[in-house]
Amino acid sequence: MKIVPLLLAAILFAGPALAGYRDLKRELETYAPPVILHVPELPLAAVPKGDDDFQSAVQTLQRMRERWEAAIHDPAAAAEHGGTLPTSGGAAIDDGKARGMRQKMLTPEIVQTLIRARSPAVKAAEARFKAALEGFDQVAGLEEILRQYSAFTEGVMPGVGPMVGMQTVRTTFPFPGVMALKGQVVEKNVAARKETLDLVYRDNLAQAFTVYWDLVYTHQAQRITREMRDRLNHLESVATTRYGAGKTSYQDVVKIRMRRERLVDQLATLSGMRTNQETALLSLFDLAPGSVVASPSIHTPRLDLPKLEPLYALALEKRQELRRLRARVGRMERMIEMGETMDQPPFTQNAALFTDEAILQVGSSAMKPSFGTTVAPARGKGVPANAWFGSRKAYLRETRRNLEALRRELADAEARTRMMVRSGWFDVDRALRERRLYKDRLQPLAETALEVSTREYASGSVAFADVIGAYNAWLETRLAGERRNSDLGIARAELARRIGAPLPRWNE
């Protein structure tokens, strides 16, 4: 009988309890967090996929490599990268074809082709440049290894959102991304190697042009000396005739023969100099010594004097040493950016920040907690969980100091470049003035004096000392004129080397 009252009491109290549960359930279902805590959710279509981003980055690296590879073979691509290295001439690669080119008249164009195609120093620099291109594949390969390792450890359960594997934030960079930064570092290194290649080609070409113009002078000096010897033979016949007629002493004949013997020895010296210069060219062309070298084309260098002011801007833009320093500065800047991004907490978009690895998060068999439950005394708020935090800070400070020093070095190189351009332009100006002096004014006078003195000596109007003086002046003036002509070509080649680009014309 006591059971009935208890049932009636339970029924009476169950009604309000059930009503309260329904209200609590309704309240939970309709609950909305405050506006300040509301984070808008991104649509699934707007979330980028890791594979697509990685493949896009790999394709970007591949395009960068292809552009730099084209800089060796495509003149348009080389101009895009600011280089002055021409494409290698296939006609001068093997010894047979190179020998055929040298059997023609040796011109500056042939010298340039042979230096580009056969110079061992240029080939070595080109090999180092191609080796630097492998850095692009190394970046892609390293990232692929990291992605494969992440795939093996994938299985984190963030507890919210779609159940997909998340990459650890310790190996990703939000802006612009670790792979992009690594690619930029490699590109700056490749740019520095390309400038080194252009620099080696530029210096070897300037050296070859110097030897070429010295060879031009030697050929001209041999021709002028032989002509002087023939003139002395004619003068000796005149002196012998006058001596037979009793109109002069035998001393005149002896002095002429002595002068002629000195010319014979001078011709032997010029022949040895010519052999040395030809051997120097053969070494630059990587050809066996003793090979026949064609005679250089006897022509006049460009006689226009470029304006000085535009040369400063051209040298600051084109000089390979400056461009290489700028590439090194850019590479170090990106290395510092990588270090700072790895050292400081990155930006997030409320994504899961757990490491991408399989763990048991809850229960008695949990391997480790899902998130940090304690804070070490050595850590503070916002400090990244990185054991090398302190040493990386010191490394960044050192790198920043090195970057500052490199920028100062670049400023010093720019100042020295302006000084070198000014002195090189002065050498061209002086060589041009001296060439005009000897070629246009002194040589015609020496030629006239020689002809007049020879006729007057034959007629007995002038002394022998005046005649031999006129002959010596003619020889010295002719040799000096040819020397100044070659000096002008050498000065122009040296100024182009200091600028790092061909010289513009005076009206360019």
Protein backbone atom coordinates (compact mmCIF):
# COMPACT_ATOMS: atom_id res chain seq x y z
CA MET A 1 0.00 0.00 0.00
CA LYS A 2 3.00 2.27 0.53
CA ILE A 3 4.06 1.90 -3.12
CA VAL A 4 1.09 3.86 -4.43
CA PRO A 5 1.96 7.13 -2.61
CA LEU A 6 5.54 6.91 -3.78
CA LEU A 7 4.47 6.52 -7.42
CA LEU A 8 2.12 9.46 -7.07
CA ALA A 9 4.95 11.60 -5.63
CA ALA A 10 7.36 10.64 -8.46
CA ILE A 11 4.78 11.55 -11.07
CA LEU A 12 4.14 14.89 -9.44
CA PHE A 13 7.88 15.80 -9.39
CA ALA A 14 8.75 14.44 -12.90
CA GLY A 15 6.63 16.97 -14.73
CA PRO A 16 8.67 20.07 -13.74
CA ALA A 17 11.99 18.23 -14.21
CA LEU A 18 11.14 17.22 -17.77
CA ALA A 19 10.05 20.75 -18.55
CA GLY A 20 13.38 22.17 -17.26
CA TYR A 21 15.39 19.71 -19.36
CA ARG A 22 13.50 20.71 -22.48
CA ASP A 23 14.23 24.37 -21.79
CA LEU A 24 17.92 23.67 -21.21
CA LYS A 25 18.14 21.69 -24.43
CA ARG A 26 16.39 24.45 -26.38
CA GLU A 27 18.75 27.05 -24.88
CA LEU A 28 21.84 25.05 -25.85
CA GLU A 29 20.59 24.59 -29.40
CA THR A 30 19.87 28.29 -29.86
CA TYR A 31 23.01 29.55 -28.12
CA ALA A 32 25.17 32.04 -30.04
CA PRO A 33 28.51 33.39 -28.74
CA PRO A 34 28.97 37.14 -28.28
CA VAL A 35 29.87 39.18 -31.33
CA ILE A 36 33.37 39.87 -30.01
CA LEU A 37 34.11 36.12 -30.01
CA HIS A 38 32.59 35.43 -33.42
CA VAL A 39 35.10 34.30 -36.06
CA PRO A 40 33.74 34.09 -39.60
CA GLU A 41 34.27 30.71 -41.18
CA LEU A 42 35.90 30.52 -44.57
CA PRO A 43 34.08 28.50 -47.22
CA LEU A 44 35.70 25.20 -48.01
CA ALA A 45 36.30 26.19 -51.61
CA ALA A 46 38.44 29.16 -50.50
CA VAL A 47 40.82 27.01 -48.46
CA PRO A 48 43.86 26.30 -50.67
CA LYS A 49 45.02 22.73 -51.02
CA GLY A 50 48.54 21.89 -49.97
CA ASP A 51 49.31 19.79 -53.04
CA ASP A 52 48.19 22.53 -55.43
CA ASP A 53 50.29 25.14 -53.62
CA PHE A 54 53.33 22.89 -53.62
CA GLN A 55 53.06 22.06 -57.32
CA SER A 56 52.60 25.74 -58.14
CA ALA A 57 55.74 26.59 -56.17
CA VAL A 58 57.68 23.83 -57.93
CA GLN A 59 56.56 25.12 -61.32
CA THR A 60 57.65 28.63 -60.33
CA LEU A 61 61.11 27.32 -59.46
CA GLN A 62 61.27 25.46 -62.77
CA ARG A 63 60.36 28.59 -64.73
CA MET A 64 63.05 30.54 -62.86
CA ARG A 65 65.64 27.93 -63.79
CA GLU A 66 64.59 27.89 -67.44
CA ARG A 67 64.90 31.67 -67.66
CA TRP A 68 68.45 31.58 -66.31
CA GLU A 69 69.43 28.68 -68.54
CA ALA A 70 68.23 30.67 -71.55
CA ALA A 71 70.55 33.51 -70.52
CA ILE A 72 73.49 31.42 -71.81
CA HIS A 73 72.11 30.61 -75.25
CA ASP A 74 69.48 33.27 -76.00
CA PRO A 75 70.70 36.88 -76.53
CA ALA A 76 67.24 38.26 -75.69
CA ALA A 77 67.18 36.39 -72.39
CA ALA A 78 70.72 37.51 -71.63
CA ALA A 79 69.71 41.13 -72.20
CA GLU A 80 66.72 40.61 -69.90
CA HIS A 81 69.09 39.62 -67.08
CA GLY A 82 71.42 42.52 -67.87
CA GLY A 83 74.26 40.32 -69.09
CA THR A 84 76.77 41.14 -71.81
CA LEU A 85 77.92 37.59 -72.53
CA PRO A 86 77.18 36.67 -76.17
CA THR A 87 76.09 33.23 -77.25
CA SER A 88 78.87 30.73 -77.88
CA GLY A 89 79.86 30.36 -81.51
CA GLY A 90 79.39 26.77 -82.62
CA ALA A 91 81.75 27.30 -85.56
CA ALA A 92 84.71 27.73 -83.22
CA ILE A 93 84.21 24.84 -80.83
CA ASP A 94 86.53 22.23 -82.34
CA ASP A 95 90.17 22.78 -83.21
CA GLY A 96 89.67 22.31 -86.94
CA LYS A 97 87.02 24.97 -87.32
CA ALA A 98 88.89 27.30 -84.98
CA ARG A 99 92.02 26.85 -87.09
CA GLY A 100 90.02 27.70 -90.18
CA MET A 101 88.80 30.92 -88.61
CA ARG A 102 92.35 31.89 -87.65
CA GLN A 103 93.58 31.34 -91.20
CA LYS A 104 91.40 34.23 -92.26
CA MET A 105 92.21 37.84 -91.50
CA LEU A 106 92.15 38.14 -87.70
CA THR A 107 89.50 40.69 -86.69
CA PRO A 108 88.11 41.80 -83.32
CA GLU A 109 84.91 39.89 -84.10
CA ILE A 110 86.86 36.63 -84.57
CA VAL A 111 88.77 37.30 -81.34
CA GLN A 112 85.50 37.80 -79.50
CA THR A 113 84.04 34.58 -80.92
CA LEU A 114 87.10 32.51 -80.06
CA ILE A 115 87.23 33.85 -76.50
CA ARG A 116 83.56 33.03 -75.94
CA ALA A 117 83.79 29.57 -77.46
CA ARG A 118 87.21 28.32 -76.36
CA SER A 119 88.54 30.25 -73.35
CA PRO A 120 89.14 27.77 -70.47
CA ALA A 121 88.48 30.49 -67.87
CA VAL A 122 85.11 31.31 -69.44
CA LYS A 123 84.21 27.63 -69.64
CA ALA A 124 85.09 27.16 -65.96
CA ALA A 125 82.92 30.11 -64.95
CA GLU A 126 80.10 28.79 -67.12
CA ALA A 127 80.34 25.39 -65.41
CA ARG A 128 80.07 27.07 -61.99
CA PHE A 129 77.04 28.99 -63.19
CA LYS A 130 75.35 25.79 -64.36
CA ALA A 131 76.21 24.17 -61.04
CA ALA A 132 74.43 27.01 -59.23
CA LEU A 133 71.30 26.25 -61.27
CA GLU A 134 71.01 22.93 -59.47
CA GLY A 135 70.00 24.85 -56.36
CA PHE A 136 66.47 25.21 -57.75
CA ASP A 137 66.05 21.42 -57.88
CA GLN A 138 67.60 21.08 -54.44
CA VAL A 139 64.99 23.41 -52.96
CA ALA A 140 62.17 21.45 -54.57
CA GLY A 141 63.71 18.14 -53.53
CA LEU A 142 64.11 19.19 -49.89
CA GLU A 143 60.51 20.37 -49.67
CA GLU A 144 59.35 17.09 -51.23
CA ILE A 145 61.24 15.12 -48.57
CA LEU A 146 59.60 17.18 -45.83
CA ARG A 147 56.17 16.61 -47.36
CA GLN A 148 56.77 12.86 -47.57
CA TYR A 149 57.76 12.78 -43.91
CA SER A 150 54.65 14.75 -43.04
CA ALA A 151 52.54 12.23 -44.97
CA PHE A 152 53.94 9.38 -42.90
CA THR A 153 53.09 11.14 -39.63
CA GLU A 154 49.75 12.51 -40.75
CA GLY A 155 46.80 11.71 -38.50
CA VAL A 156 46.23 14.53 -36.06
CA MET A 157 42.66 14.94 -34.78
CA PRO A 158 42.14 18.66 -34.13
CA GLY A 159 38.63 17.98 -32.81
CA VAL A 160 36.88 20.63 -34.96
CA GLY A 161 36.49 21.19 -38.65
CA PRO A 162 37.03 18.66 -41.43
CA MET A 163 39.08 15.63 -40.46
CA VAL A 164 42.09 16.34 -42.73
CA GLY A 165 45.79 16.33 -41.98
CA MET A 166 47.31 19.69 -41.13
CA GLN A 167 50.87 20.72 -41.83
CA THR A 168 52.84 21.85 -38.81
CA VAL A 169 53.21 25.62 -38.56
CA ARG A 170 56.86 25.16 -37.69
CA THR A 171 57.66 24.21 -41.31
CA THR A 172 55.37 26.66 -43.10
CA PHE A 173 55.66 30.36 -43.76
CA PRO A 174 52.59 32.51 -44.40
CA PHE A 175 54.02 35.46 -46.34
CA PRO A 176 55.38 34.63 -48.95
CA GLY A 177 56.26 31.06 -47.93
CA VAL A 178 59.43 29.18 -47.13
CA MET A 179 59.73 27.67 -50.58
CA ALA A 180 59.44 31.05 -52.26
CA LEU A 181 62.10 32.51 -49.97
CA LYS A 182 64.43 29.59 -50.63
CA GLY A 183 63.85 30.00 -54.36
CA GLN A 184 64.70 33.69 -54.15
CA VAL A 185 67.90 32.92 -52.24
CA VAL A 186 68.91 30.43 -54.94
CA GLU A 187 68.04 32.91 -57.68
CA LYS A 188 70.24 35.59 -56.12
CA ASN A 189 73.07 33.07 -55.88
CA VAL A 190 72.58 32.18 -59.55
CA ALA A 191 72.57 35.89 -60.44
CA ALA A 192 75.89 36.34 -58.63
CA ARG A 193 77.38 33.39 -60.54
CA LYS A 194 76.09 34.82 -63.82
CA GLU A 195 77.78 38.14 -63.08
CA THR A 196 80.99 36.24 -62.29
CA LEU A 197 80.70 34.53 -65.68
CA ASP A 198 80.22 37.88 -67.43
CA LEU A 199 83.13 39.31 -65.45
CA VAL A 200 85.50 36.49 -66.47
CA TYR A 201 84.47 36.82 -70.10
CA ARG A 202 84.86 40.61 -69.94
CA ASP A 203 88.38 40.44 -68.47
CA ASN A 204 89.55 37.75 -70.89
CA LEU A 205 88.13 39.68 -73.82
CA ALA A 206 89.88 42.88 -72.69
CA GLN A 207 93.13 40.95 -72.32
CA ALA A 208 92.71 39.45 -75.80
CA PHE A 209 92.00 42.88 -77.31
CA THR A 210 95.12 44.27 -75.62
CA VAL A 211 97.24 41.51 -77.18
CA TYR A 212 95.44 41.99 -80.50
CA TRP A 213 96.23 45.71 -80.68
CA ASP A 214 99.83 45.07 -79.63
CA LEU A 215 100.03 42.54 -82.47
CA VAL A 216 98.64 45.15 -84.86
CA TYR A 217 101.38 47.55 -83.80
CA THR A 218 104.06 44.88 -84.18
CA HIS A 219 102.96 44.13 -87.73
CA GLN A 220 102.95 47.81 -88.58
CA ALA A 221 106.32 48.35 -86.91
CA GLN A 222 107.83 45.51 -88.96
CA ARG A 223 106.47 47.01 -92.17
CA ILE A 224 107.73 50.51 -91.32
CA THR A 225 111.16 49.20 -90.26
CA ARG A 226 111.55 47.29 -93.51
CA GLU A 227 110.57 50.42 -95.42
CA MET A 228 113.16 52.38 -93.44
CA ARG A 229 115.77 49.77 -94.29
CA ASP A 230 114.96 50.08 -97.98
CA ARG A 231 115.23 53.87 -97.75
CA LEU A 232 118.60 53.56 -96.04
CA ASN A 233 119.77 51.26 -98.83
CA HIS A 234 118.83 53.98 -101.33
CA LEU A 235 120.56 56.60 -99.17
CA GLU A 236 123.66 54.41 -99.00
CA SER A 237 123.79 54.23 -102.78
CA VAL A 238 123.57 58.01 -102.96
CA ALA A 239 126.30 58.42 -100.33
CA THR A 240 128.52 55.88 -102.12
CA THR A 241 128.10 57.76 -105.40
CA ARG A 242 128.99 61.06 -103.75
CA TYR A 243 131.95 59.46 -102.00
CA GLY A 244 133.19 58.14 -105.33
CA ALA A 245 132.87 61.65 -106.73
CA GLY A 246 134.81 63.05 -103.80
CA LYS A 247 131.91 65.15 -102.53
CA THR A 248 131.58 63.46 -99.10
CA SER A 249 133.63 61.40 -96.70
CA TYR A 250 133.49 57.69 -96.08
CA GLN A 251 132.08 58.41 -92.63
CA ASP A 252 128.64 59.02 -94.17
CA VAL A 253 128.61 55.57 -95.71
CA VAL A 254 129.69 53.97 -92.43
CA LYS A 255 127.02 55.77 -90.42
CA ILE A 256 124.33 54.63 -92.84
CA ARG A 257 125.50 51.01 -92.62
CA MET A 258 125.57 51.18 -88.81
CA ARG A 259 122.05 52.53 -88.75
CA ARG A 260 120.91 49.78 -91.11
CA GLU A 261 122.43 47.06 -88.95
CA ARG A 262 120.55 48.39 -85.94
CA LEU A 263 117.37 48.17 -87.98
CA VAL A 264 118.12 44.52 -88.79
CA ASP A 265 118.47 43.76 -85.09
CA GLN A 266 115.28 45.71 -84.39
CA LEU A 267 113.43 43.57 -86.94
CA ALA A 268 114.60 40.44 -85.12
CA THR A 269 113.30 41.89 -81.83
CA LEU A 270 109.95 42.70 -83.42
CA SER A 271 109.75 39.15 -84.80
CA GLY A 272 110.25 37.75 -81.30
CA MET A 273 107.63 40.11 -79.90
CA ARG A 274 105.20 38.98 -82.59
CA THR A 275 105.76 35.32 -81.66
CA ASN A 276 105.12 36.12 -77.99
CA GLN A 277 101.91 37.95 -78.80
CA GLU A 278 100.67 35.17 -81.05
CA THR A 279 101.44 32.64 -78.30
CA ALA A 280 99.48 34.76 -75.82
CA LEU A 281 96.48 34.75 -78.15
CA LEU A 282 96.76 31.00 -78.66
CA SER A 283 96.77 30.46 -74.89
CA LEU A 284 93.64 32.57 -74.54
CA PHE A 285 92.04 30.56 -77.35
CA ASP A 286 93.17 27.25 -75.78
CA LEU A 287 95.11 26.25 -78.89
CA ALA A 288 98.48 24.54 -79.13
CA PRO A 289 101.52 26.86 -79.23
CA GLY A 290 103.21 27.12 -82.58
CA SER A 291 99.96 27.16 -84.53
CA VAL A 292 99.71 29.62 -87.37
CA VAL A 293 97.92 32.83 -86.47
CA ALA A 294 96.53 34.97 -89.25
CA SER A 295 97.68 38.54 -89.65
CA PRO A 296 95.45 41.02 -87.83
CA SER A 297 93.32 43.36 -89.85
CA ILE A 298 94.97 46.76 -89.98
CA HIS A 299 92.21 49.21 -89.25
CA THR A 300 91.61 52.31 -87.21
CA PRO A 301 89.75 52.13 -83.89
CA ARG A 302 86.65 54.21 -83.46
CA LEU A 303 87.71 57.85 -83.30
CA ASP A 304 84.63 59.15 -81.48
CA LEU A 305 84.97 60.11 -77.82
CA PRO A 306 81.89 59.15 -75.77
CA LYS A 307 80.49 61.70 -73.38
CA LEU A 308 81.68 61.26 -69.83
CA GLU A 309 78.51 61.87 -67.81
CA PRO A 310 76.42 59.04 -69.35
CA LEU A 311 79.32 56.64 -68.73
CA TYR A 312 78.93 57.02 -64.96
CA ALA A 313 75.32 55.85 -65.01
CA LEU A 314 76.13 53.09 -67.50
CA ALA A 315 78.96 51.77 -65.32
CA LEU A 316 76.86 51.85 -62.14
CA GLU A 317 74.22 49.81 -63.95
CA LYS A 318 76.33 47.38 -65.99
CA ARG A 319 79.60 46.81 -64.11
CA GLN A 320 79.64 43.16 -63.09
CA GLU A 321 81.30 43.68 -59.72
CA LEU A 322 78.48 46.01 -58.66
CA ARG A 323 75.76 43.72 -59.95
CA ARG A 324 77.32 40.78 -58.14
CA LEU A 325 77.45 42.75 -54.88
CA ARG A 326 73.80 43.73 -55.30
CA ALA A 327 72.90 40.07 -55.81
CA ARG A 328 74.79 39.17 -52.64
CA VAL A 329 72.95 41.91 -50.74
CA GLY A 330 69.60 40.60 -51.99
CA ARG A 331 70.50 37.04 -51.04
CA MET A 332 71.49 38.08 -47.51
CA GLU A 333 68.31 40.13 -47.10
CA ARG A 334 66.20 37.08 -47.92
CA MET A 335 68.24 34.90 -45.61
CA ILE A 336 67.56 37.35 -42.78
CA GLU A 337 63.86 37.32 -43.69
CA MET A 338 63.85 33.53 -43.50
CA GLY A 339 65.59 33.62 -40.12
CA GLU A 340 63.20 36.20 -38.73
CA THR A 341 60.17 34.29 -39.96
CA MET A 342 61.43 31.07 -38.40
CA ASP A 343 62.33 32.84 -35.17
CA GLN A 344 59.16 34.85 -34.59
CA PRO A 345 55.61 33.47 -34.21
CA PRO A 346 53.92 33.39 -37.63
CA PHE A 347 50.52 34.79 -38.55
CA THR A 348 47.62 32.36 -38.32
CA GLN A 349 44.06 32.18 -39.61
CA ASN A 350 42.63 30.20 -36.66
CA ALA A 351 43.86 26.94 -38.15
CA ALA A 352 44.87 24.01 -35.97
CA LEU A 353 48.31 24.66 -34.49
CA PHE A 354 49.10 21.11 -33.46
CA THR A 355 51.98 19.16 -34.92
CA ASP A 356 50.95 16.90 -37.79
CA GLU A 357 51.46 13.55 -36.11
CA ALA A 358 49.29 10.70 -34.91
CA ILE A 359 48.58 10.90 -31.16
CA LEU A 360 46.06 9.60 -28.65
CA GLN A 361 44.53 12.69 -27.23
CA VAL A 362 42.28 11.51 -24.40
CA GLY A 363 41.79 8.64 -22.02
CA SER A 364 44.12 6.67 -19.83
CA SER A 365 46.19 5.58 -22.88
CA ALA A 366 46.94 9.14 -24.07
CA MET A 367 50.54 9.45 -25.22
CA LYS A 368 50.80 13.19 -24.53
CA PRO A 369 48.40 16.05 -23.98
CA SER A 370 46.76 17.69 -26.97
CA PHE A 371 48.06 21.10 -25.93
CA GLY A 372 50.54 22.51 -23.48
CA THR A 373 49.42 22.32 -19.88
CA THR A 374 52.48 23.93 -18.28
CA VAL A 375 54.80 26.81 -19.10
CA ALA A 376 58.51 26.49 -18.45
CA PRO A 377 60.06 29.31 -16.35
CA ALA A 378 62.46 30.15 -19.22
CA ARG A 379 59.56 30.86 -21.54
CA GLY A 380 57.29 33.79 -21.81
CA LYS A 381 54.16 34.68 -23.66
CA GLY A 382 54.60 34.62 -27.44
CA VAL A 383 57.97 32.87 -27.41
CA PRO A 384 58.08 30.10 -30.04
CA ALA A 385 58.65 26.53 -28.94
CA ASN A 386 62.14 26.30 -30.37
CA ALA A 387 65.18 25.01 -28.54
CA TRP A 388 67.55 27.09 -30.70
CA PHE A 389 65.84 30.37 -30.05
CA GLY A 390 68.80 32.09 -28.36
CA SER A 391 71.45 31.01 -30.85
CA ARG A 392 69.26 32.03 -33.76
CA LYS A 393 68.97 35.51 -32.35
CA ALA A 394 72.75 35.81 -32.24
CA TYR A 395 72.98 34.48 -35.79
CA LEU A 396 70.48 37.08 -37.00
CA ARG A 397 72.42 39.87 -35.32
CA GLU A 398 75.61 38.67 -36.97
CA THR A 399 73.93 38.43 -40.37
CA ARG A 400 72.47 41.93 -40.05
CA ARG A 401 75.95 43.29 -39.32
CA ASN A 402 77.33 41.46 -42.33
CA LEU A 403 74.53 42.89 -44.45
CA GLU A 404 75.39 46.40 -43.29
CA ALA A 405 79.06 45.79 -44.13
CA LEU A 406 78.12 44.46 -47.56
CA ARG A 407 76.07 47.56 -48.28
CA ARG A 408 79.01 49.75 -47.27
CA GLU A 409 81.22 47.69 -49.55
CA LEU A 410 78.77 48.26 -52.39
CA ALA A 411 78.84 52.04 -51.79
CA ASP A 412 82.65 51.98 -51.80
CA ALA A 413 82.71 49.97 -55.03
CA GLU A 414 80.35 52.46 -56.68
CA ALA A 415 82.61 55.35 -55.68
CA ARG A 416 85.68 53.55 -57.00
CA THR A 417 83.84 52.75 -60.21
CA ARG A 418 83.23 56.43 -60.88
CA MET A 419 86.94 57.12 -60.35
CA MET A 420 87.95 54.26 -62.65
CA VAL A 421 85.59 55.46 -65.37
CA ARG A 422 87.02 58.97 -65.17
CA SER A 423 90.63 57.78 -65.46
CA GLY A 424 89.73 55.34 -68.26
CA TRP A 425 87.94 58.08 -70.19
CA PHE A 426 91.01 60.30 -69.78
CA ASP A 427 93.23 57.57 -71.25
CA VAL A 428 90.95 57.33 -74.28
CA ASP A 429 90.93 61.10 -74.68
CA ARG A 430 94.72 61.34 -74.43
CA ALA A 431 95.29 58.44 -76.84
CA LEU A 432 92.88 60.02 -79.32
CA ARG A 433 94.61 63.42 -79.12
CA GLU A 434 98.09 61.92 -79.47
CA ARG A 435 97.00 59.78 -82.40
CA ARG A 436 95.66 62.83 -84.20
CA LEU A 437 98.88 64.69 -83.41
CA TYR A 438 101.16 62.06 -84.92
CA LYS A 439 98.91 60.79 -87.71
CA ASP A 440 97.40 64.02 -88.93
CA ARG A 441 100.13 66.64 -88.28
CA LEU A 442 103.59 65.21 -87.53
CA GLN A 443 103.71 62.38 -90.07
CA PRO A 444 103.04 64.58 -93.14
CA LEU A 445 105.75 66.97 -91.95
CA ALA A 446 108.25 64.15 -91.39
CA GLU A 447 107.47 62.71 -94.84
CA THR A 448 108.04 66.08 -96.50
CA ALA A 449 111.27 66.69 -94.59
CA LEU A 450 112.60 63.26 -95.61
CA GLU A 451 111.92 63.74 -99.31
CA VAL A 452 113.36 67.26 -99.40
CA SER A 453 116.51 66.35 -97.44
CA THR A 454 117.17 63.32 -99.67
CA ARG A 455 117.03 65.41 -102.85
CA GLU A 456 119.13 68.18 -101.36
CA TYR A 457 121.74 65.72 -100.08
CA ALA A 458 122.02 64.22 -103.54
CA SER A 459 122.64 67.69 -104.90
CA GLY A 460 125.03 68.58 -102.08
CA SER A 461 122.87 71.34 -100.59
CA VAL A 462 122.59 69.94 -97.04
CA ALA A 463 124.93 68.14 -94.68
CA PHE A 464 124.71 64.44 -93.92
CA ALA A 465 123.72 65.08 -90.31
CA ASP A 466 120.55 66.85 -91.47
CA VAL A 467 119.70 63.95 -93.75
CA ILE A 468 120.16 61.20 -91.17
CA GLY A 469 118.22 63.33 -88.68
CA ALA A 470 115.31 63.56 -91.12
CA TYR A 471 115.40 59.77 -91.57
CA ASN A 472 115.40 59.16 -87.82
CA ALA A 473 112.54 61.63 -87.32
CA TRP A 474 110.53 59.93 -90.05
CA LEU A 475 111.01 56.50 -88.45
CA GLU A 476 110.24 57.66 -84.93
CA THR A 477 107.15 59.59 -86.05
CA ARG A 478 105.75 56.68 -88.03
CA LEU A 479 106.32 54.20 -85.20
CA ALA A 480 104.87 56.62 -82.63
CA GLY A 481 101.78 57.14 -84.79
CA GLU A 482 101.13 53.39 -85.03
CA ARG A 483 101.80 53.00 -81.32
CA ARG A 484 99.21 55.68 -80.54
CA ASN A 485 96.76 53.99 -82.89
CA SER A 486 97.09 50.71 -80.97
CA ASP A 487 97.05 52.57 -77.65
CA LEU A 488 93.69 54.04 -78.62
CA GLY A 489 92.28 50.57 -79.27
CA ILE A 490 93.69 49.31 -75.95
CA ALA A 491 92.33 52.33 -74.06
CA ARG A 492 88.86 51.83 -75.50
CA ALA A 493 88.94 48.13 -74.57
CA GLU A 494 90.05 48.99 -71.04
CA LEU A 495 87.33 51.61 -70.63
CA ALA A 496 84.73 49.09 -71.81
CA ARG A 497 86.12 46.61 -69.26
CA ARG A 498 85.78 49.13 -66.46
CA ILE A 499 82.24 49.99 -67.48
CA GLY A 500 81.25 46.38 -68.05
CA ALA A 501 79.52 47.07 -71.38
CA PRO A 502 80.44 48.17 -74.92
CA LEU A 503 81.11 51.87 -75.27
CA PRO A 504 78.27 53.96 -76.66
CA ARG A 505 78.93 56.37 -79.48
CA TRP A 506 79.26 60.07 -78.75
CA ASN A 507 75.69 60.80 -79.88
CA GLU A 508 74.06 57.86 -78.06
